[in-house]
N, C-alpha and C. Protein backbone atom coordinates (compact mmCIF):
# COMPACT_ATOMS: atom_id res chain seq x y z
N UNK A 1 -5.88 7.60 19.21
CA UNK A 1 -4.63 8.14 19.72
C UNK A 1 -3.49 7.62 18.85
N UNK A 2 -2.62 8.49 18.42
CA UNK A 2 -1.49 8.10 17.59
C UNK A 2 -0.38 7.51 18.44
N UNK A 3 0.27 6.48 17.90
CA UNK A 3 1.42 5.91 18.58
C UNK A 3 2.59 6.86 18.41
N UNK A 4 3.52 6.88 19.38
CA UNK A 4 4.68 7.74 19.23
C UNK A 4 5.53 7.27 18.06
N UNK A 5 6.17 8.22 17.42
CA UNK A 5 7.03 7.88 16.29
C UNK A 5 8.21 7.05 16.77
N UNK A 6 8.67 6.18 15.90
CA UNK A 6 9.84 5.37 16.21
C UNK A 6 11.04 6.30 16.34
N UNK A 7 11.83 6.14 17.40
CA UNK A 7 13.02 6.98 17.53
C UNK A 7 14.02 6.66 16.41
N UNK A 8 14.80 7.66 16.04
CA UNK A 8 15.82 7.42 15.02
C UNK A 8 16.84 6.41 15.51
N UNK A 9 17.29 6.58 16.76
CA UNK A 9 18.39 5.76 17.27
C UNK A 9 18.05 5.10 18.60
N UNK A 10 18.69 3.97 18.83
CA UNK A 10 18.68 3.31 20.13
C UNK A 10 20.05 3.60 20.74
N UNK A 11 20.11 4.61 21.59
CA UNK A 11 21.40 5.04 22.14
C UNK A 11 22.07 3.93 22.94
N UNK A 12 21.29 3.06 23.54
CA UNK A 12 21.85 1.95 24.31
C UNK A 12 22.72 1.03 23.46
N UNK A 13 22.25 0.72 22.25
CA UNK A 13 23.06 -0.11 21.35
C UNK A 13 24.33 0.62 20.92
N UNK A 14 24.20 1.89 20.64
CA UNK A 14 25.37 2.67 20.25
C UNK A 14 26.37 2.73 21.40
N UNK A 15 25.89 2.89 22.60
CA UNK A 15 26.77 2.91 23.77
C UNK A 15 27.52 1.58 23.90
N UNK A 16 26.85 0.48 23.61
CA UNK A 16 27.51 -0.83 23.66
C UNK A 16 28.65 -0.92 22.64
N UNK A 17 28.41 -0.40 21.45
CA UNK A 17 29.47 -0.40 20.42
C UNK A 17 30.62 0.49 20.88
N UNK A 18 30.31 1.62 21.50
CA UNK A 18 31.35 2.52 22.02
C UNK A 18 32.18 1.82 23.10
N UNK A 19 31.53 1.01 23.93
CA UNK A 19 32.27 0.25 24.95
C UNK A 19 33.24 -0.73 24.29
N UNK A 20 32.81 -1.36 23.22
CA UNK A 20 33.69 -2.28 22.48
C UNK A 20 34.87 -1.50 21.90
N UNK A 21 34.59 -0.31 21.39
CA UNK A 21 35.68 0.53 20.87
C UNK A 21 36.71 0.79 21.96
N UNK A 22 36.23 1.19 23.13
CA UNK A 22 37.14 1.49 24.24
C UNK A 22 37.91 0.26 24.67
N UNK A 23 37.23 -0.88 24.76
CA UNK A 23 37.88 -2.10 25.23
C UNK A 23 38.94 -2.61 24.26
N UNK A 24 38.72 -2.37 22.97
CA UNK A 24 39.65 -2.90 21.97
C UNK A 24 40.63 -1.86 21.44
N UNK A 25 40.41 -0.58 21.79
CA UNK A 25 41.26 0.47 21.28
C UNK A 25 40.98 0.83 19.83
N UNK A 26 39.88 0.33 19.29
CA UNK A 26 39.50 0.62 17.90
C UNK A 26 38.50 1.78 17.91
N UNK A 27 39.02 2.98 18.03
CA UNK A 27 38.19 4.15 18.27
C UNK A 27 37.34 4.56 17.08
N UNK A 28 37.60 4.04 15.91
CA UNK A 28 36.82 4.40 14.72
C UNK A 28 35.91 3.26 14.25
N UNK A 29 35.69 2.28 15.11
CA UNK A 29 34.87 1.12 14.75
C UNK A 29 33.46 1.54 14.34
N UNK A 30 32.78 2.29 15.19
CA UNK A 30 31.41 2.70 14.90
C UNK A 30 31.36 3.60 13.66
N UNK A 31 32.27 4.54 13.58
CA UNK A 31 32.31 5.44 12.41
C UNK A 31 32.52 4.64 11.13
N UNK A 32 33.34 3.61 11.18
CA UNK A 32 33.55 2.76 10.01
C UNK A 32 32.29 2.02 9.61
N UNK A 33 31.56 1.52 10.60
CA UNK A 33 30.29 0.85 10.32
C UNK A 33 29.29 1.81 9.69
N UNK A 34 29.25 3.03 10.20
CA UNK A 34 28.32 4.03 9.67
C UNK A 34 28.69 4.37 8.22
N UNK A 35 29.99 4.52 7.93
CA UNK A 35 30.40 4.79 6.54
C UNK A 35 30.00 3.65 5.61
N UNK A 36 30.16 2.41 6.07
CA UNK A 36 29.75 1.26 5.24
C UNK A 36 28.24 1.27 5.02
N UNK A 37 27.50 1.54 6.07
CA UNK A 37 26.04 1.62 5.95
C UNK A 37 25.65 2.70 4.94
N UNK A 38 26.30 3.84 5.02
CA UNK A 38 26.01 4.94 4.10
C UNK A 38 26.24 4.50 2.65
N UNK A 39 27.30 3.75 2.41
CA UNK A 39 27.57 3.24 1.06
C UNK A 39 26.51 2.26 0.61
N UNK A 40 26.11 1.36 1.50
CA UNK A 40 25.06 0.39 1.15
C UNK A 40 23.75 1.10 0.84
N UNK A 41 23.42 2.11 1.64
CA UNK A 41 22.18 2.85 1.40
C UNK A 41 22.23 3.60 0.07
N UNK A 42 23.38 4.16 -0.26
CA UNK A 42 23.53 4.90 -1.52
C UNK A 42 23.32 4.00 -2.72
N UNK A 43 23.70 2.74 -2.61
CA UNK A 43 23.57 1.82 -3.74
C UNK A 43 22.32 0.97 -3.73
N UNK A 44 21.52 1.04 -2.66
CA UNK A 44 20.40 0.11 -2.52
C UNK A 44 19.40 0.21 -3.66
N UNK A 45 18.97 1.40 -3.99
CA UNK A 45 17.92 1.57 -4.99
C UNK A 45 18.31 0.94 -6.32
N UNK A 46 19.50 1.25 -6.80
CA UNK A 46 19.95 0.70 -8.08
C UNK A 46 20.16 -0.81 -7.98
N UNK A 47 20.76 -1.26 -6.89
CA UNK A 47 21.00 -2.69 -6.71
C UNK A 47 19.69 -3.47 -6.64
N UNK A 48 18.74 -2.96 -5.85
CA UNK A 48 17.45 -3.61 -5.69
C UNK A 48 16.73 -3.70 -7.03
N UNK A 49 16.70 -2.58 -7.76
CA UNK A 49 16.04 -2.55 -9.07
C UNK A 49 16.69 -3.53 -10.04
N UNK A 50 18.00 -3.59 -10.01
CA UNK A 50 18.73 -4.49 -10.90
C UNK A 50 18.40 -5.96 -10.58
N UNK A 51 18.35 -6.29 -9.31
CA UNK A 51 18.02 -7.66 -8.91
C UNK A 51 16.61 -8.04 -9.37
N UNK A 52 15.68 -7.14 -9.18
CA UNK A 52 14.30 -7.40 -9.59
C UNK A 52 14.22 -7.53 -11.11
N UNK A 53 14.90 -6.65 -11.84
CA UNK A 53 14.88 -6.69 -13.30
C UNK A 53 15.47 -8.00 -13.84
N UNK A 54 16.45 -8.53 -13.13
CA UNK A 54 17.06 -9.81 -13.54
C UNK A 54 16.23 -11.01 -13.10
N UNK A 55 15.19 -10.75 -12.32
CA UNK A 55 14.35 -11.84 -11.84
C UNK A 55 14.88 -12.51 -10.59
N UNK A 56 15.90 -11.94 -9.97
CA UNK A 56 16.48 -12.53 -8.76
C UNK A 56 15.77 -11.93 -7.54
N UNK A 57 14.51 -12.31 -7.40
CA UNK A 57 13.69 -11.74 -6.34
C UNK A 57 14.14 -12.21 -4.95
N UNK A 58 14.70 -13.40 -4.86
CA UNK A 58 15.21 -13.89 -3.58
C UNK A 58 16.33 -12.98 -3.09
N UNK A 59 17.23 -12.61 -3.99
CA UNK A 59 18.33 -11.72 -3.62
C UNK A 59 17.82 -10.32 -3.28
N UNK A 60 16.76 -9.88 -3.95
CA UNK A 60 16.18 -8.57 -3.65
C UNK A 60 15.62 -8.56 -2.22
N UNK A 61 14.92 -9.62 -1.85
CA UNK A 61 14.40 -9.73 -0.49
C UNK A 61 15.56 -9.79 0.50
N UNK A 62 16.59 -10.56 0.17
CA UNK A 62 17.76 -10.70 1.05
C UNK A 62 18.45 -9.35 1.24
N UNK A 63 18.54 -8.54 0.19
CA UNK A 63 19.18 -7.22 0.30
C UNK A 63 18.44 -6.35 1.31
N UNK A 64 17.12 -6.36 1.25
CA UNK A 64 16.33 -5.58 2.21
C UNK A 64 16.49 -6.15 3.62
N UNK A 65 16.49 -7.45 3.73
CA UNK A 65 16.64 -8.12 5.02
C UNK A 65 18.00 -7.79 5.65
N UNK A 66 19.04 -7.82 4.84
CA UNK A 66 20.38 -7.53 5.33
C UNK A 66 20.48 -6.10 5.86
N UNK A 67 19.92 -5.16 5.11
CA UNK A 67 19.96 -3.77 5.58
C UNK A 67 19.10 -3.58 6.83
N UNK A 68 18.00 -4.30 6.93
CA UNK A 68 17.18 -4.23 8.14
C UNK A 68 18.03 -4.62 9.35
N UNK A 69 18.71 -5.72 9.23
CA UNK A 69 19.54 -6.20 10.34
C UNK A 69 20.72 -5.29 10.63
N UNK A 70 21.37 -4.81 9.60
CA UNK A 70 22.51 -3.92 9.78
C UNK A 70 22.09 -2.65 10.51
N UNK A 71 21.00 -2.06 10.06
CA UNK A 71 20.51 -0.84 10.70
C UNK A 71 20.19 -1.08 12.17
N UNK A 72 19.51 -2.16 12.44
CA UNK A 72 19.12 -2.45 13.82
C UNK A 72 20.33 -2.73 14.70
N UNK A 73 21.34 -3.42 14.15
CA UNK A 73 22.55 -3.71 14.93
C UNK A 73 23.33 -2.45 15.27
N UNK A 74 23.22 -1.44 14.42
CA UNK A 74 23.92 -0.18 14.67
C UNK A 74 23.08 0.80 15.48
N UNK A 75 21.88 0.40 15.84
CA UNK A 75 21.02 1.26 16.65
C UNK A 75 20.17 2.22 15.85
N UNK A 76 20.13 2.06 14.53
CA UNK A 76 19.31 2.91 13.68
C UNK A 76 17.91 2.30 13.58
N UNK A 77 17.14 2.51 14.62
CA UNK A 77 15.85 1.85 14.79
C UNK A 77 14.87 2.18 13.66
N UNK A 78 14.72 3.46 13.35
CA UNK A 78 13.76 3.87 12.32
C UNK A 78 14.16 3.32 10.95
N UNK A 79 15.46 3.30 10.66
CA UNK A 79 15.91 2.71 9.39
C UNK A 79 15.65 1.21 9.37
N UNK A 80 15.86 0.55 10.49
CA UNK A 80 15.55 -0.87 10.57
C UNK A 80 14.09 -1.14 10.28
N UNK A 81 13.22 -0.29 10.82
CA UNK A 81 11.79 -0.43 10.56
C UNK A 81 11.47 -0.17 9.09
N UNK A 82 12.14 0.82 8.50
CA UNK A 82 11.95 1.11 7.08
C UNK A 82 12.28 -0.13 6.23
N UNK A 83 13.41 -0.75 6.51
CA UNK A 83 13.80 -1.91 5.71
C UNK A 83 12.96 -3.14 6.04
N UNK A 84 12.37 -3.19 7.24
CA UNK A 84 11.41 -4.25 7.53
C UNK A 84 10.18 -4.09 6.64
N UNK A 85 9.73 -2.85 6.45
CA UNK A 85 8.60 -2.59 5.55
C UNK A 85 8.95 -2.94 4.11
N UNK A 86 10.15 -2.58 3.69
CA UNK A 86 10.59 -2.90 2.33
C UNK A 86 10.68 -4.40 2.14
N UNK A 87 11.24 -5.08 3.12
CA UNK A 87 11.35 -6.54 3.05
C UNK A 87 9.95 -7.18 2.98
N UNK A 88 9.03 -6.68 3.79
CA UNK A 88 7.66 -7.23 3.81
C UNK A 88 7.00 -7.09 2.44
N UNK A 89 7.15 -5.92 1.82
CA UNK A 89 6.58 -5.70 0.48
C UNK A 89 7.24 -6.62 -0.54
N UNK A 90 8.55 -6.75 -0.45
CA UNK A 90 9.27 -7.60 -1.40
C UNK A 90 8.88 -9.06 -1.24
N UNK A 91 8.74 -9.51 0.00
CA UNK A 91 8.32 -10.91 0.23
C UNK A 91 6.93 -11.16 -0.33
N UNK A 92 6.09 -10.12 -0.31
CA UNK A 92 4.74 -10.25 -0.85
C UNK A 92 4.72 -10.14 -2.37
N UNK A 93 5.88 -9.88 -2.96
CA UNK A 93 5.97 -9.77 -4.42
C UNK A 93 5.66 -8.38 -4.94
N UNK A 94 5.48 -7.42 -4.05
CA UNK A 94 5.17 -6.05 -4.47
C UNK A 94 6.46 -5.22 -4.48
N UNK A 95 7.26 -5.47 -5.49
CA UNK A 95 8.57 -4.82 -5.59
C UNK A 95 8.44 -3.34 -5.90
N UNK A 96 7.38 -2.96 -6.62
CA UNK A 96 7.15 -1.54 -6.88
C UNK A 96 6.88 -0.79 -5.58
N UNK A 97 6.08 -1.38 -4.70
CA UNK A 97 5.82 -0.76 -3.41
C UNK A 97 7.09 -0.69 -2.57
N UNK A 98 7.88 -1.74 -2.60
CA UNK A 98 9.14 -1.74 -1.86
C UNK A 98 10.03 -0.58 -2.33
N UNK A 99 10.11 -0.40 -3.62
CA UNK A 99 10.94 0.68 -4.20
C UNK A 99 10.36 2.04 -3.83
N UNK A 100 9.04 2.19 -3.90
CA UNK A 100 8.41 3.46 -3.51
C UNK A 100 8.66 3.78 -2.04
N UNK A 101 8.62 2.76 -1.21
CA UNK A 101 8.87 2.96 0.22
C UNK A 101 10.28 3.50 0.43
N UNK A 102 11.25 2.88 -0.25
CA UNK A 102 12.62 3.36 -0.12
C UNK A 102 12.76 4.78 -0.68
N UNK A 103 12.24 4.99 -1.87
CA UNK A 103 12.39 6.30 -2.51
C UNK A 103 11.72 7.41 -1.72
N UNK A 104 10.65 7.08 -1.00
CA UNK A 104 9.94 8.08 -0.21
C UNK A 104 10.56 8.36 1.15
N UNK A 105 11.64 7.68 1.45
CA UNK A 105 12.24 7.79 2.78
C UNK A 105 13.56 8.57 2.78
N UNK A 106 13.79 9.38 1.76
CA UNK A 106 15.06 10.10 1.66
C UNK A 106 15.34 10.95 2.90
N UNK A 107 14.33 11.63 3.42
CA UNK A 107 14.57 12.48 4.59
C UNK A 107 14.86 11.64 5.84
N UNK A 108 14.19 10.51 5.98
CA UNK A 108 14.46 9.62 7.11
C UNK A 108 15.87 9.07 7.03
N UNK A 109 16.27 8.66 5.84
CA UNK A 109 17.62 8.11 5.65
C UNK A 109 18.66 9.17 5.98
N UNK A 110 18.47 10.37 5.46
CA UNK A 110 19.40 11.46 5.71
C UNK A 110 19.49 11.81 7.19
N UNK A 111 18.34 11.93 7.84
CA UNK A 111 18.31 12.26 9.26
C UNK A 111 18.95 11.17 10.11
N UNK A 112 18.69 9.92 9.74
CA UNK A 112 19.26 8.80 10.49
C UNK A 112 20.77 8.74 10.35
N UNK A 113 21.26 8.93 9.13
CA UNK A 113 22.71 8.92 8.93
C UNK A 113 23.37 10.07 9.69
N UNK A 114 22.77 11.22 9.64
CA UNK A 114 23.33 12.36 10.38
C UNK A 114 23.34 12.08 11.88
N UNK A 115 22.26 11.52 12.39
CA UNK A 115 22.20 11.18 13.81
C UNK A 115 23.25 10.15 14.18
N UNK A 116 23.45 9.15 13.33
CA UNK A 116 24.49 8.14 13.58
C UNK A 116 25.88 8.78 13.60
N UNK A 117 26.12 9.69 12.68
CA UNK A 117 27.43 10.35 12.62
C UNK A 117 27.68 11.21 13.85
N UNK A 118 26.62 11.74 14.43
CA UNK A 118 26.75 12.59 15.61
C UNK A 118 26.74 11.81 16.92
N UNK A 119 26.34 10.55 16.86
CA UNK A 119 26.20 9.73 18.08
C UNK A 119 27.54 9.41 18.72
């Protein structure tokens, strides 16, 4: 029996961020976080490759770890899982696999960003 697919978003976490927006009057807080995430995702492949090429493998692992946490904090569950896989490969020293995992996830990244923008 197949396990159910990981949902793109955790609406409960997004709702919590929306409550903070309402409480603080910062109505674009979540949208700003999503825009920053989008920028980080756009630069990840080149940044990750550059870190590995320079031999800074610790920073490459940290980059994947940071995006894992950022995605999960914003409620982007599937993206968080993607970066957990990338981080796991990088920690194991398989940077080529980490890069392939990211490169193969273009549709997931696109769908997740669109879902975040619509949330």
